[in-house]
Amino acid sequence: MQPAHERIDIRPVQLKDGLAIQVSYSDGRQMTSKNYSHGEFPFNDFAEAGYANFHVELEGETIALRISKKGVPLFSKSKNEVTRDLSHDRSKKRLLNPADPFLREVGIADANGNIKPSKMDKYKQVEEFLRLLIPTLNDAISAGHIHAPSADKPLRIVDLGCGHAYLTFAAHQYLKSEGIAVHVTGIDIRPASRDRNNAIAKSLGIESSISFLAEEISETTMNQADVAIALHACDTATDDAIAWALNRDVPLTLFAPCCHHDIQSQMKIAPEPWSLITRHGIMRERLGDLITDSLRIQLMKLHGYRVDAIEFIGGEHTPRNLMIRAVKTGAEAESEEVERYQSMISIWGVTPVLAAKLSR
């Protein structure tokens, strides 16, 4: 089944004429909301529309339900500190406190703890990344794919191509605030980034649980992780990040790709009738993006991962808003999936750089 929208949000709101149910969804360009009375709210239509993940927040408890591809319901519950808010124009709850010193240190907030206007999009990107990381992480732990973090065995997160380490510090600070024992490592090729980020960690007094290395992703000395993340690693750096994770059987990965020049440069002759698209430069570029990420996803599936591609932030904040989210299940790929991959690369005459980087 294919739902009409990638995601919908449903919540109660207090209007002048009484309590209503508000449904919000995005079509990739803008957010649309509609209010229903209790009597007209089409709950069954939404529940049976093909959505595979349900996330329900109650006061004091969060309930998550995921339907696997085989139709198996996977159910989990966790505690929260949510309080009911029925205001119609509710502002979105922030995961990251703008006054957190790390935001000032990395340049997202000013000295007064206010998010800089020029960094608002980056702040929202990191927030939305965390909104996807947390429930996915909880599901992986409850399913036994990742061990329950403890002081003796903290959750190990590796940020591949961390750059200025916005996401690296954000993941560390948020998980720590939730009482999760964690050690985060950021990897970037530039020694200047390593030195700057380690200095920030020391100034914040968190250097014992977060550290940075100046290394190539493909040649890093890091060998293990429970979670691998990468936010906008450029072009084949994303392939390096995926290969690093797959070659080490990392249980959970979240990658937001950026730039897709490799496959685009290989698309010399398009199979007909695809020349209708590839004759136009901007459309050829977008198609190359889709082919690149489709092949990445398929290779991950062939290596025992359950993978999905999702929008992690609205297009008004960044044109690079696709996330590849994957969990290592160890399931053996069906022969049809291998054939689909071979057919795709044969039709387009391309060879994904990721394929050569995988150890098996």
Protein backbone atom coordinates (compact mmCIF):
# COMPACT_ATOMS: atom_id res chain seq x y z
CA MET A 1 0.00 0.00 0.00
CA GLN A 2 1.15 3.55 -0.71
CA PRO A 3 -0.20 6.26 1.62
CA ALA A 4 -1.16 9.57 0.05
CA HIS A 5 1.32 11.37 2.30
CA GLU A 6 4.72 10.45 3.75
CA ARG A 7 3.54 11.38 7.23
CA ILE A 8 0.50 12.81 9.01
CA ASP A 9 0.23 14.31 12.48
CA ILE A 10 -3.02 14.13 14.42
CA ARG A 11 -3.73 16.00 17.65
CA PRO A 12 -6.62 17.49 19.64
CA VAL A 13 -7.03 21.28 19.52
CA GLN A 14 -9.32 23.63 21.39
CA LEU A 15 -11.32 25.89 19.05
CA LYS A 16 -13.90 28.54 19.90
CA ASP A 17 -16.77 26.15 19.23
CA GLY A 18 -15.24 23.20 21.09
CA LEU A 19 -12.66 20.45 20.91
CA ALA A 20 -11.56 19.36 17.43
CA ILE A 21 -9.09 16.97 15.81
CA GLN A 22 -6.36 18.61 13.72
CA VAL A 23 -4.66 16.64 10.93
CA SER A 24 -1.45 18.06 9.43
CA TYR A 25 0.55 16.73 6.51
CA SER A 26 3.22 17.89 4.09
CA ASP A 27 3.29 17.36 0.34
CA GLY A 28 7.03 18.14 0.25
CA ARG A 29 6.44 21.82 -0.50
CA GLN A 30 4.11 23.13 2.19
CA MET A 31 2.37 22.07 5.38
CA THR A 32 -1.42 21.72 5.24
CA SER A 33 -3.75 21.35 8.23
CA LYS A 34 -7.45 20.54 8.50
CA ASN A 35 -9.67 20.46 11.58
CA TYR A 36 -12.39 17.85 12.06
CA SER A 37 -15.14 17.56 14.64
CA HIS A 38 -15.23 14.31 16.60
CA GLY A 39 -18.19 13.12 14.58
CA GLU A 40 -16.62 13.66 11.15
CA PHE A 41 -13.04 12.64 11.93
CA PRO A 42 -12.23 9.75 9.49
CA PHE A 43 -9.92 7.84 11.82
CA ASN A 44 -10.33 4.48 10.08
CA ASP A 45 -9.43 6.01 6.71
CA PHE A 46 -6.12 7.20 8.13
CA ALA A 47 -5.44 4.02 10.12
CA GLU A 48 -6.03 1.79 7.09
CA ALA A 49 -4.23 4.00 4.53
CA GLY A 50 -1.03 1.92 4.57
CA TYR A 51 1.11 3.65 7.19
CA ALA A 52 3.68 1.34 8.76
CA ASN A 53 4.63 3.43 11.81
CA PHE A 54 2.35 4.81 14.49
CA HIS A 55 3.71 7.07 17.25
CA VAL A 56 1.31 8.06 20.04
CA GLU A 57 2.19 10.48 22.82
CA LEU A 58 0.13 10.38 26.01
CA GLU A 59 0.78 12.25 29.22
CA GLY A 60 3.63 10.26 30.79
CA GLU A 61 3.84 7.53 28.14
CA THR A 62 4.82 7.12 24.49
CA ILE A 63 3.44 4.20 22.50
CA ALA A 64 5.05 3.08 19.23
CA LEU A 65 3.70 0.54 16.75
CA ARG A 66 5.56 -0.52 13.63
CA ILE A 67 4.16 -2.93 11.05
CA SER A 68 6.91 -4.98 9.42
CA LYS A 69 6.93 -5.79 5.72
CA LYS A 70 5.60 -9.24 6.59
CA GLY A 71 2.68 -7.68 8.45
CA VAL A 72 4.04 -8.36 11.93
CA PRO A 73 3.15 -5.68 14.51
CA LEU A 74 6.08 -4.56 16.67
CA PHE A 75 4.93 -2.72 19.78
CA SER A 76 6.87 -0.72 22.38
CA LYS A 77 6.20 1.71 25.22
CA SER A 78 8.39 4.24 27.01
CA LYS A 79 8.02 6.97 29.61
CA ASN A 80 7.93 10.67 28.74
CA GLU A 81 7.30 14.04 30.34
CA VAL A 82 4.78 15.32 27.80
CA THR A 83 1.95 17.55 29.03
CA ARG A 84 -1.24 18.13 27.08
CA ASP A 85 -1.40 21.29 24.97
CA LEU A 86 -4.64 22.01 23.14
CA SER A 87 -3.64 25.40 21.73
CA HIS A 88 -4.50 25.73 18.05
CA ASP A 89 -1.25 27.38 16.94
CA ARG A 90 1.10 25.41 19.14
CA SER A 91 4.78 25.97 18.59
CA LYS A 92 6.76 22.80 18.05
CA LYS A 93 8.48 21.46 21.14
CA ARG A 94 12.23 21.85 20.84
CA LEU A 95 14.50 18.93 21.60
CA LEU A 96 17.52 21.20 21.91
CA ASN A 97 17.44 24.01 24.43
CA PRO A 98 18.63 27.13 22.55
CA ALA A 99 20.49 28.10 25.74
CA ASP A 100 22.60 24.93 25.73
CA PRO A 101 26.24 26.14 25.72
CA PHE A 102 27.19 23.78 22.90
CA LEU A 103 24.97 25.71 20.48
CA ARG A 104 26.89 28.87 21.29
CA GLU A 105 30.24 27.11 21.00
CA VAL A 106 29.50 25.67 17.54
CA GLY A 107 28.14 29.00 16.31
CA ILE A 108 24.42 28.23 16.03
CA ALA A 109 23.35 30.44 18.97
CA ASP A 110 24.58 33.86 20.04
CA ALA A 111 26.00 34.84 23.43
CA ASN A 112 22.45 35.35 24.78
CA GLY A 113 21.30 31.85 23.87
CA ASN A 114 19.26 32.92 20.85
CA ILE A 115 19.47 30.98 17.58
CA LYS A 116 21.18 33.10 14.94
CA PRO A 117 18.86 33.82 11.99
CA SER A 118 21.56 32.65 9.57
CA LYS A 119 21.76 29.30 11.41
CA MET A 120 18.04 28.64 11.89
CA ASP A 121 17.87 26.17 8.99
CA LYS A 122 20.87 24.26 10.35
CA TYR A 123 19.27 24.20 13.83
CA LYS A 124 16.03 22.80 12.39
CA GLN A 125 17.91 20.21 10.32
CA VAL A 126 19.70 18.89 13.40
CA GLU A 127 16.47 18.90 15.44
CA GLU A 128 14.58 16.92 12.83
CA PHE A 129 17.47 14.46 12.53
CA LEU A 130 17.19 13.85 16.28
CA ARG A 131 13.41 13.44 16.05
CA LEU A 132 14.02 10.51 13.71
CA LEU A 133 17.03 9.12 15.57
CA ILE A 134 15.37 8.76 18.97
CA PRO A 135 12.31 6.60 18.09
CA THR A 136 14.38 4.57 15.63
CA LEU A 137 17.00 4.00 18.33
CA ASN A 138 14.34 3.01 20.88
CA ASP A 139 12.83 0.52 18.41
CA ALA A 140 16.25 -1.00 17.68
CA ILE A 141 16.94 -1.43 21.40
CA SER A 142 13.53 -2.93 22.15
CA ALA A 143 13.92 -5.34 19.20
CA GLY A 144 17.31 -6.47 20.48
CA HIS A 145 19.30 -5.12 17.52
CA ILE A 146 21.20 -2.79 19.89
CA HIS A 147 22.11 -3.48 23.50
CA ALA A 148 20.50 -1.41 26.25
CA PRO A 149 23.05 1.34 27.04
CA SER A 150 24.64 1.35 30.49
CA ALA A 151 27.48 3.14 32.23
CA ASP A 152 29.69 0.09 31.66
CA LYS A 153 28.59 -0.31 28.05
CA PRO A 154 27.49 3.05 26.63
CA LEU A 155 25.84 3.51 23.27
CA ARG A 156 28.56 4.08 20.67
CA ILE A 157 27.72 6.62 17.97
CA VAL A 158 30.03 7.54 15.10
CA ASP A 159 29.38 10.68 13.02
CA LEU A 160 31.12 10.17 9.68
CA GLY A 161 32.17 13.40 8.00
CA CYS A 162 31.17 15.51 11.01
CA GLY A 163 32.56 18.87 9.81
CA HIS A 164 31.62 21.56 12.32
CA ALA A 165 30.02 18.82 14.46
CA TYR A 166 26.60 20.41 14.84
CA LEU A 167 24.94 16.99 14.75
CA THR A 168 27.71 15.28 16.73
CA PHE A 169 27.35 17.58 19.71
CA ALA A 170 23.56 17.69 19.41
CA ALA A 171 23.22 13.89 19.53
CA HIS A 172 25.56 13.74 22.52
CA GLN A 173 23.83 16.49 24.46
CA TYR A 174 20.30 15.28 23.79
CA LEU A 175 20.97 11.64 24.63
CA LYS A 176 22.80 12.68 27.80
CA SER A 177 19.84 14.85 28.80
CA GLU A 178 17.60 11.79 28.39
CA GLY A 179 19.81 9.80 30.77
CA ILE A 180 21.29 7.56 28.05
CA ALA A 181 24.90 6.54 28.54
CA VAL A 182 26.66 7.39 25.29
CA HIS A 183 30.06 7.91 23.71
CA VAL A 184 30.14 9.85 20.44
CA THR A 185 33.02 10.02 17.98
CA GLY A 186 33.18 12.54 15.16
CA ILE A 187 35.36 11.84 12.13
CA ASP A 188 36.46 14.47 9.61
CA ILE A 189 39.47 14.64 7.33
CA ARG A 190 40.50 18.13 8.43
CA PRO A 191 42.87 18.41 11.43
CA ALA A 192 41.55 21.94 12.04
CA SER A 193 38.04 20.54 12.58
CA ARG A 194 39.35 17.87 14.93
CA ASP A 195 41.28 20.38 17.02
CA ARG A 196 38.42 22.88 17.13
CA ASN A 197 35.82 20.29 18.09
CA ASN A 198 38.00 18.63 20.74
CA ALA A 199 38.65 22.09 22.20
CA ILE A 200 34.90 22.74 22.38
CA ALA A 201 34.33 19.38 24.07
CA LYS A 202 36.98 20.23 26.64
CA SER A 203 35.55 23.68 27.29
CA LEU A 204 32.13 22.08 27.88
CA GLY A 205 33.64 19.46 30.20
CA ILE A 206 32.36 16.53 28.12
CA GLU A 207 35.62 15.30 26.59
CA SER A 208 35.30 11.94 28.39
CA SER A 209 32.23 11.00 26.32
CA ILE A 210 32.80 12.77 23.00
CA SER A 211 35.93 12.90 20.87
CA PHE A 212 37.05 13.76 17.35
CA LEU A 213 39.50 12.27 14.87
CA ALA A 214 41.11 13.74 11.76
CA GLU A 215 40.89 10.78 9.39
CA GLU A 216 39.49 9.72 6.04
CA ILE A 217 36.19 7.88 6.51
CA SER A 218 37.47 5.03 4.36
CA GLU A 219 40.67 4.72 6.41
CA THR A 220 39.50 5.59 9.91
CA THR A 221 40.92 3.71 12.87
CA MET A 222 37.41 3.44 14.32
CA ASN A 223 36.22 -0.14 13.96
CA GLN A 224 32.96 -0.42 15.89
CA ALA A 225 29.73 1.45 16.51
CA ASP A 226 26.14 0.83 17.51
CA VAL A 227 24.90 3.77 15.44
CA ALA A 228 26.48 5.40 12.38
CA ILE A 229 25.22 8.78 11.23
CA ALA A 230 26.17 11.21 8.48
CA LEU A 231 24.47 14.50 7.68
CA HIS A 232 25.20 15.73 4.15
CA ALA A 233 28.52 13.99 3.52
CA CYS A 234 29.29 15.18 0.00
CA ASP A 235 29.04 12.88 -3.03
CA THR A 236 31.02 9.62 -2.55
CA ALA A 237 31.77 10.51 1.09
CA THR A 238 28.26 9.18 1.72
CA ASP A 239 29.30 5.94 0.02
CA ASP A 240 32.36 5.81 2.28
CA ALA A 241 30.08 6.22 5.30
CA ILE A 242 27.65 3.52 4.14
CA ALA A 243 30.52 1.14 3.31
CA TRP A 244 32.13 1.72 6.70
CA ALA A 245 28.86 0.84 8.44
CA LEU A 246 28.01 -2.19 6.29
CA ASN A 247 31.51 -3.67 6.45
CA ARG A 248 31.30 -3.55 10.26
CA ASP A 249 27.67 -4.69 10.59
CA VAL A 250 26.68 -1.50 12.42
CA PRO A 251 23.17 -2.20 13.77
CA LEU A 252 21.60 1.21 13.05
CA THR A 253 22.46 3.81 10.40
CA LEU A 254 20.99 7.16 9.41
CA PHE A 255 22.45 8.92 6.39
CA ALA A 256 21.30 12.14 4.71
CA PRO A 257 23.17 12.21 1.34
CA CYS A 258 24.44 15.34 -0.36
CA CYS A 259 25.54 15.73 -4.00
CA HIS A 260 25.41 12.79 -6.39
CA HIS A 261 27.99 13.49 -9.06
CA ASP A 262 29.35 9.96 -9.47
CA ILE A 263 26.32 8.27 -11.06
CA GLN A 264 25.34 11.46 -12.90
CA SER A 265 28.73 11.46 -14.67
CA GLN A 266 28.18 7.83 -15.73
CA MET A 267 24.74 8.43 -17.28
CA LYS A 268 26.04 8.81 -20.85
CA ILE A 269 23.16 7.22 -22.77
CA ALA A 270 19.67 6.93 -21.30
CA PRO A 271 17.51 3.90 -22.14
CA GLU A 272 14.42 4.97 -24.05
CA PRO A 273 12.07 6.59 -23.34
CA TRP A 274 14.04 8.10 -20.42
CA SER A 275 15.69 10.61 -22.76
CA LEU A 276 12.48 12.61 -22.30
CA ILE A 277 13.88 13.38 -18.84
CA THR A 278 17.65 13.27 -19.30
CA ARG A 279 17.66 15.75 -22.22
CA HIS A 280 16.94 18.47 -19.63
CA GLY A 281 19.91 19.19 -17.38
CA ILE A 282 18.06 19.90 -14.14
CA MET A 283 15.79 16.86 -14.58
CA ARG A 284 18.77 14.67 -15.48
CA GLU A 285 20.45 15.79 -12.26
CA ARG A 286 17.42 14.97 -10.12
CA LEU A 287 17.00 11.60 -11.78
CA GLY A 288 20.68 10.89 -11.12
CA ASP A 289 20.08 11.67 -7.44
CA LEU A 290 17.22 9.17 -7.30
CA ILE A 291 19.12 6.44 -9.13
CA THR A 292 22.16 6.92 -6.87
CA ASP A 293 20.19 6.62 -3.64
CA SER A 294 18.03 3.78 -4.99
CA LEU A 295 21.17 1.75 -5.73
CA ARG A 296 22.61 2.58 -2.30
CA ILE A 297 19.42 1.39 -0.65
CA GLN A 298 19.34 -1.79 -2.69
CA LEU A 299 22.95 -2.64 -1.82
CA MET A 300 22.13 -2.15 1.85
CA LYS A 301 19.15 -4.51 1.50
CA LEU A 302 21.41 -7.10 -0.13
CA HIS A 303 23.67 -6.87 2.93
CA GLY A 304 20.97 -7.76 5.44
CA TYR A 305 19.52 -4.34 6.29
CA ARG A 306 15.92 -3.22 6.48
CA VAL A 307 16.00 0.14 4.73
CA ASP A 308 13.62 2.99 4.06
CA ALA A 309 13.98 6.42 2.48
CA ILE A 310 12.18 9.26 4.21
CA GLU A 311 11.96 13.04 4.20
CA PHE A 312 13.55 14.29 7.40
CA ILE A 313 12.93 18.03 6.99
CA GLY A 314 10.83 20.23 4.74
CA GLY A 315 12.25 21.36 1.40
CA GLU A 316 11.99 25.00 2.47
CA HIS A 317 14.98 24.44 4.78
CA THR A 318 17.23 22.43 2.45
CA PRO A 319 16.91 20.77 -0.97
CA ARG A 320 18.89 17.83 0.46
CA ASN A 321 16.18 16.46 2.70
CA LEU A 322 16.25 12.72 2.02
CA MET A 323 17.31 10.33 4.75
CA ILE A 324 18.32 6.70 4.30
CA ARG A 325 17.46 4.89 7.53
CA ALA A 326 18.53 1.27 7.99
CA VAL A 327 18.53 -1.42 10.67
CA LYS A 328 20.67 -4.54 10.46
CA THR A 329 18.36 -7.55 10.68
CA GLY A 330 20.61 -10.12 9.03
CA ALA A 331 17.78 -11.27 6.76
CA GLU A 332 19.07 -12.88 3.59
CA ALA A 333 18.08 -11.00 0.45
CA GLU A 334 15.68 -12.73 -1.91
CA SER A 335 16.97 -13.58 -5.38
CA GLU A 336 14.48 -11.13 -6.92
CA GLU A 337 16.18 -8.27 -5.07
CA VAL A 338 19.56 -9.24 -6.52
CA GLU A 339 18.03 -9.39 -9.98
CA ARG A 340 16.47 -5.94 -9.57
CA TYR A 341 19.84 -4.47 -8.67
CA GLN A 342 21.61 -6.14 -11.59
CA SER A 343 18.88 -5.04 -13.97
CA MET A 344 19.07 -1.43 -12.79
CA ILE A 345 22.81 -1.06 -13.28
CA SER A 346 22.63 -2.87 -16.63
CA ILE A 347 19.84 -0.69 -18.02
CA TRP A 348 21.62 2.53 -17.09
CA GLY A 349 25.15 1.31 -17.73
CA VAL A 350 26.41 2.52 -14.35
CA THR A 351 28.54 1.06 -11.58
CA PRO A 352 27.89 2.45 -8.09
CA VAL A 353 31.10 3.40 -6.33
CA LEU A 354 29.60 1.89 -3.16
CA ALA A 355 29.67 -1.62 -4.66
CA ALA A 356 33.47 -1.60 -4.89
CA LYS A 357 33.83 -0.40 -1.31
CA LEU A 358 31.90 -3.28 0.25
CA SER A 359 33.98 -6.15 1.59
CA ARG A 360 31.53 -8.84 0.55
